[in-house]
Protein backbone atom coordinates (compact mmCIF):
# COMPACT_ATOMS: atom_id res chain seq x y z
CA MET A 1 -194.82 146.21 37.06
CA THR A 2 -196.46 147.17 34.05
CA THR A 3 -198.66 150.34 33.41
CA ARG A 4 -201.66 148.02 33.51
CA THR A 5 -202.14 148.12 37.09
CA CYS A 6 -203.74 151.32 37.84
CA SER A 7 -205.97 152.86 35.27
CA PHE A 8 -206.73 156.52 35.45
CA ALA A 9 -209.13 159.33 33.72
CA VAL A 10 -208.41 162.77 33.17
CA SER A 11 -211.15 164.73 35.21
CA ALA A 12 -209.63 168.22 35.40
CA ILE A 13 -206.56 170.51 34.44
CA ALA A 14 -205.33 173.31 36.51
CA PRO A 15 -202.09 175.29 35.81
CA SER A 16 -200.28 173.92 38.62
CA LEU A 17 -202.09 170.56 39.07
CA LEU A 18 -203.34 167.73 37.00
CA VAL A 19 -206.23 165.95 38.59
CA LEU A 20 -207.08 162.64 37.49
CA ALA A 21 -209.58 159.85 38.48
CA LEU A 22 -208.32 156.61 39.86
CA ALA A 23 -210.42 153.63 39.09
CA VAL A 24 -210.19 151.82 42.43
CA SER A 25 -213.07 149.45 41.66
CA PRO A 26 -216.26 149.65 39.54
CA ALA A 27 -218.43 150.85 42.64
CA HIS A 28 -216.09 154.08 43.53
CA ALA A 29 -213.16 156.04 42.58
CA GLN A 30 -210.76 158.60 44.31
CA ALA A 31 -209.25 161.73 42.76
CA VAL A 32 -205.48 161.60 42.23
CA THR A 33 -203.33 164.67 41.95
CA VAL A 34 -199.99 164.79 40.29
CA VAL A 35 -198.11 167.22 42.43
CA PRO A 36 -195.17 169.20 41.11
CA VAL A 37 -192.12 168.95 43.19
CA GLY A 38 -188.36 169.45 42.42
CA SER A 39 -187.09 166.10 43.80
CA PRO A 40 -188.14 162.69 44.95
CA GLU A 41 -187.01 163.72 48.30
CA GLU A 42 -189.19 166.74 48.13
CA ALA A 43 -192.17 164.31 47.75
CA GLY A 44 -191.36 162.28 50.89
CA MET A 45 -189.50 159.60 48.91
CA VAL A 46 -186.07 158.05 49.84
CA ASP A 47 -183.65 155.83 47.97
CA VAL A 48 -184.09 152.50 49.07
CA ARG A 49 -180.36 151.81 49.29
CA THR A 50 -180.03 154.35 52.11
CA LEU A 51 -181.98 151.82 54.23
CA ALA A 52 -180.94 148.64 52.30
CA PRO A 53 -177.26 149.40 51.00
CA SER A 54 -176.83 145.76 49.42
CA ILE A 55 -180.08 145.38 47.84
CA ASP A 56 -179.80 144.37 44.08
CA GLN A 57 -181.12 146.81 41.45
CA ASP A 58 -181.75 145.99 37.86
CA ILE A 59 -183.71 149.07 37.05
CA ARG A 60 -184.85 148.15 33.49
CA TYR A 61 -186.32 151.45 32.20
CA ALA A 62 -182.81 153.25 33.03
CA GLY A 63 -181.54 151.08 30.24
CA SER A 64 -182.43 149.15 27.05
CA ASN A 65 -183.32 145.97 28.58
CA ASN A 66 -187.15 146.72 28.61
CA PHE A 67 -190.05 146.19 26.48
CA THR A 68 -189.52 149.57 24.87
CA GLY A 69 -186.04 148.47 23.99
CA ARG A 70 -184.45 151.82 25.02
CA PRO A 71 -184.01 153.91 27.92
CA VAL A 72 -187.39 155.33 29.14
CA PRO A 73 -187.81 159.21 29.58
CA GLY A 74 -187.93 160.16 33.11
CA TYR A 75 -185.32 157.96 34.34
CA GLU A 76 -181.96 159.64 34.47
CA ALA A 77 -180.51 157.42 36.92
CA ALA A 78 -180.79 153.63 37.93
CA LYS A 79 -182.30 154.14 41.39
CA CYS A 80 -185.21 152.97 43.44
CA TYR A 81 -187.20 155.74 45.15
CA LEU A 82 -190.35 155.04 47.28
CA LEU A 83 -192.44 156.83 49.98
CA ALA A 84 -190.53 156.42 53.27
CA PRO A 85 -193.16 153.79 54.75
CA ALA A 86 -193.14 151.69 51.47
CA ALA A 87 -189.06 152.11 51.50
CA GLN A 88 -188.86 150.95 55.14
CA ALA A 89 -191.27 148.03 54.56
CA LEU A 90 -189.26 146.76 51.68
CA ALA A 91 -185.94 147.00 53.69
CA LYS A 92 -187.64 144.64 56.17
CA VAL A 93 -188.46 142.37 53.42
CA GLU A 94 -184.95 142.30 52.18
CA ALA A 95 -183.40 141.92 55.70
CA GLN A 96 -185.75 138.64 56.42
CA LEU A 97 -185.08 137.17 52.88
CA ARG A 98 -181.33 137.54 53.36
CA ALA A 99 -181.59 135.84 56.70
CA ASP A 100 -183.43 132.97 54.98
CA GLY A 101 -180.81 132.63 52.09
CA TYR A 102 -182.74 134.91 49.53
CA ALA A 103 -182.65 138.32 48.23
CA LEU A 104 -184.64 140.88 46.21
CA GLN A 105 -183.88 142.11 42.84
CA LEU A 106 -185.45 145.52 41.99
CA PHE A 107 -187.03 146.17 38.74
CA ASP A 108 -188.85 149.30 39.09
CA CYS A 109 -190.04 151.51 41.83
CA TYR A 110 -191.21 155.27 41.74
CA ARG A 111 -192.07 155.68 38.18
CA PRO A 112 -192.57 159.34 36.71
CA ALA A 113 -195.83 160.11 34.87
CA GLN A 114 -193.79 161.27 31.83
CA SER A 115 -192.27 157.75 31.75
CA VAL A 116 -195.69 156.25 31.64
CA HIS A 117 -196.73 158.67 28.87
CA ALA A 118 -193.74 157.40 26.91
CA PHE A 119 -195.03 153.85 27.27
CA VAL A 120 -198.18 154.98 25.50
CA GLU A 121 -196.21 156.84 22.81
CA TRP A 122 -194.34 153.63 22.22
CA ALA A 123 -197.56 151.35 21.98
CA HIS A 124 -198.92 153.85 19.13
CA ASP A 125 -195.80 153.18 17.34
CA PRO A 126 -196.29 150.19 14.97
CA ARG A 127 -192.49 150.30 13.75
CA GLU A 128 -191.02 149.39 17.17
CA GLN A 129 -191.13 145.71 17.70
CA SER A 130 -187.77 144.86 18.91
CA ARG A 131 -188.84 143.05 22.05
CA LYS A 132 -192.06 141.31 20.74
CA VAL A 133 -190.74 137.76 20.98
CA LEU A 134 -189.38 138.20 24.22
CA GLN A 135 -192.25 140.05 25.97
CA TYR A 136 -195.47 140.23 23.99
CA PRO A 137 -194.99 137.23 21.57
CA ASP A 138 -198.75 136.33 21.62
CA LEU A 139 -200.03 139.65 21.19
CA ASP A 140 -200.13 142.33 18.52
CA LYS A 141 -199.04 145.81 19.66
CA PRO A 142 -202.25 147.43 19.68
CA GLN A 143 -203.80 144.89 22.07
CA LEU A 144 -201.38 146.04 24.67
CA LEU A 145 -203.27 149.31 25.03
CA GLY A 146 -205.84 149.42 27.92
CA GLY A 147 -205.05 145.83 28.83
CA TYR A 148 -201.53 146.36 29.64
CA ILE A 149 -200.53 149.83 29.05
CA ALA A 150 -202.72 152.52 30.42
CA GLU A 151 -202.16 156.28 30.60
CA THR A 152 -200.99 156.50 34.02
CA SER A 153 -199.78 153.95 36.72
CA GLY A 154 -199.84 153.60 40.37
CA HIS A 155 -196.04 153.61 40.42
CA SER A 156 -196.16 157.32 40.09
CA ARG A 157 -197.71 157.41 43.74
CA GLY A 158 -194.39 156.05 45.34
CA ALA A 159 -195.57 152.91 47.12
CA THR A 160 -195.66 150.37 44.31
CA VAL A 161 -192.42 148.27 43.41
CA ASP A 162 -191.72 145.82 40.81
CA LEU A 163 -189.15 143.04 41.77
CA GLY A 164 -187.74 139.51 41.47
CA LEU A 165 -186.17 136.87 43.76
CA LEU A 166 -182.55 135.94 44.27
CA LYS A 167 -181.21 132.88 45.94
CA CYS A 168 -178.04 133.61 47.75
CA SER A 169 -174.88 131.38 48.81
CA GLY A 170 -172.53 133.40 50.83
CA ASP A 171 -172.00 136.85 49.03
CA THR A 172 -173.21 135.46 45.57
CA CYS A 173 -176.99 135.70 44.69
CA THR A 174 -178.25 134.39 41.67
CA PRO A 175 -182.02 135.15 39.90
CA LEU A 176 -184.45 132.41 40.39
CA ASP A 177 -186.71 131.07 37.71
CA MET A 178 -189.97 132.80 38.18
CA GLY A 179 -191.57 131.33 34.87
CA THR A 180 -191.57 134.65 33.11
CA ASP A 181 -189.27 137.72 32.73
CA PHE A 182 -190.51 140.95 34.42
CA ASP A 183 -192.86 142.77 32.06
CA TYR A 184 -193.91 139.74 30.36
CA PHE A 185 -197.35 140.37 28.70
CA GLY A 186 -199.52 137.29 28.80
CA PRO A 187 -201.27 134.97 31.10
CA ARG A 188 -198.22 133.31 32.14
CA ALA A 189 -197.07 136.24 34.11
CA ASN A 190 -200.24 135.76 36.52
CA THR A 191 -199.05 134.92 39.86
CA ASP A 192 -201.00 131.73 39.99
CA ALA A 193 -200.54 130.73 36.44
CA ALA A 194 -201.56 127.19 35.53
CA ASP A 195 -198.82 126.59 32.87
CA ILE A 196 -195.65 127.18 34.96
CA THR A 197 -193.49 124.44 36.73
CA LEU A 198 -193.84 123.48 40.48
CA THR A 199 -190.53 125.22 40.95
CA GLN A 200 -191.47 128.23 39.38
CA TYR A 201 -194.83 128.47 41.29
CA GLN A 202 -192.74 127.86 44.61
CA ASN A 203 -190.29 130.67 43.97
CA ARG A 204 -193.36 133.01 43.18
CA GLN A 205 -194.76 131.96 46.65
CA VAL A 206 -191.80 132.67 48.39
CA LEU A 207 -191.58 136.13 47.18
CA LEU A 208 -195.46 136.47 47.60
CA ARG A 209 -195.06 135.46 51.29
CA ALA A 210 -192.20 137.75 52.12
CA MET A 211 -193.94 140.85 50.79
CA GLU A 212 -197.29 140.10 52.16
CA ARG A 213 -195.57 139.78 55.70
CA GLU A 214 -194.64 143.54 55.58
CA GLY A 215 -197.92 144.88 54.08
CA PHE A 216 -197.33 144.63 50.42
CA THR A 217 -200.27 143.45 48.35
CA ASN A 218 -199.71 141.56 44.76
CA TYR A 219 -201.38 142.50 41.70
CA PRO A 220 -202.27 138.95 40.68
CA GLN A 221 -201.72 139.25 36.93
CA GLU A 222 -198.20 140.34 37.48
CA TRP A 223 -196.09 138.12 39.93
CA TRP A 224 -193.54 140.92 40.01
CA HIS A 225 -195.94 143.68 41.13
CA PHE A 226 -196.60 144.73 44.88
CA THR A 227 -198.19 147.80 46.35
CA LEU A 228 -197.87 148.75 50.13
CA THR A 229 -201.46 148.53 51.62
CA PRO A 230 -203.03 150.64 52.84
CA GLU A 231 -201.02 153.10 50.51
CA PRO A 232 -199.29 156.22 52.28
CA SER A 233 -200.58 158.76 49.83
CA PRO A 234 -203.17 157.09 47.73
CA THR A 235 -204.41 160.46 46.07
CA THR A 236 -200.96 161.96 45.30
CA ALA A 237 -198.57 161.11 42.24
CA TYR A 238 -195.54 162.81 40.86
CA ASP A 239 -193.70 163.44 37.69
CA VAL A 240 -190.18 164.40 38.76
CA PRO A 241 -187.59 162.50 37.21
CA VAL A 242 -185.45 159.84 38.80
CA ARG A 243 -182.07 161.33 39.27
């Protein structure tokens, strides 16, 4: 998941709330409120590992293996939180894939609003180019703003997840070739990209079908990005850190 998926525009600011307009389509929009809470649990989110204890986690923004080249503010622990309905649906996907010899690998789940703001600050820093070759080789950094990096993200609403696919043999699971790394900025990351191999395409389709069976919808420009549909709380977002 990158921050491109859901773009917001600020419509009003109150002392305890930040009200944002979510661009659902050119035809209409709905108000999204960033609600202050003390913990993910207070927001109705659960740690996915309480439902799927063996699910693989490679939470990229909690470390330096991400497009910013450093741990992202807001990620104080490498955990995956989602609103309960999304977490329950994801646990079902994991169970079914395990039965079929596959497994999920989680890259990102709930994302605090402050983390998205850190992405924007990074995009405005021309000096930091450490991951350009790996993740945006064909784009200059300013081109990422608006197209790939927006000021807010649907991840902050707690029903969107970024993930990959593993192939399992016994207790050993290894990542499958999906054609690009997570958070690759370019057309090869499109789910139906034309310039990937048949094997890469088939691996993406296994992930896509598994997620769709439990109600997740893919964002077609990012093979790794899925949102539970309909969203449990499409007008509420959060900024509490991942702890």
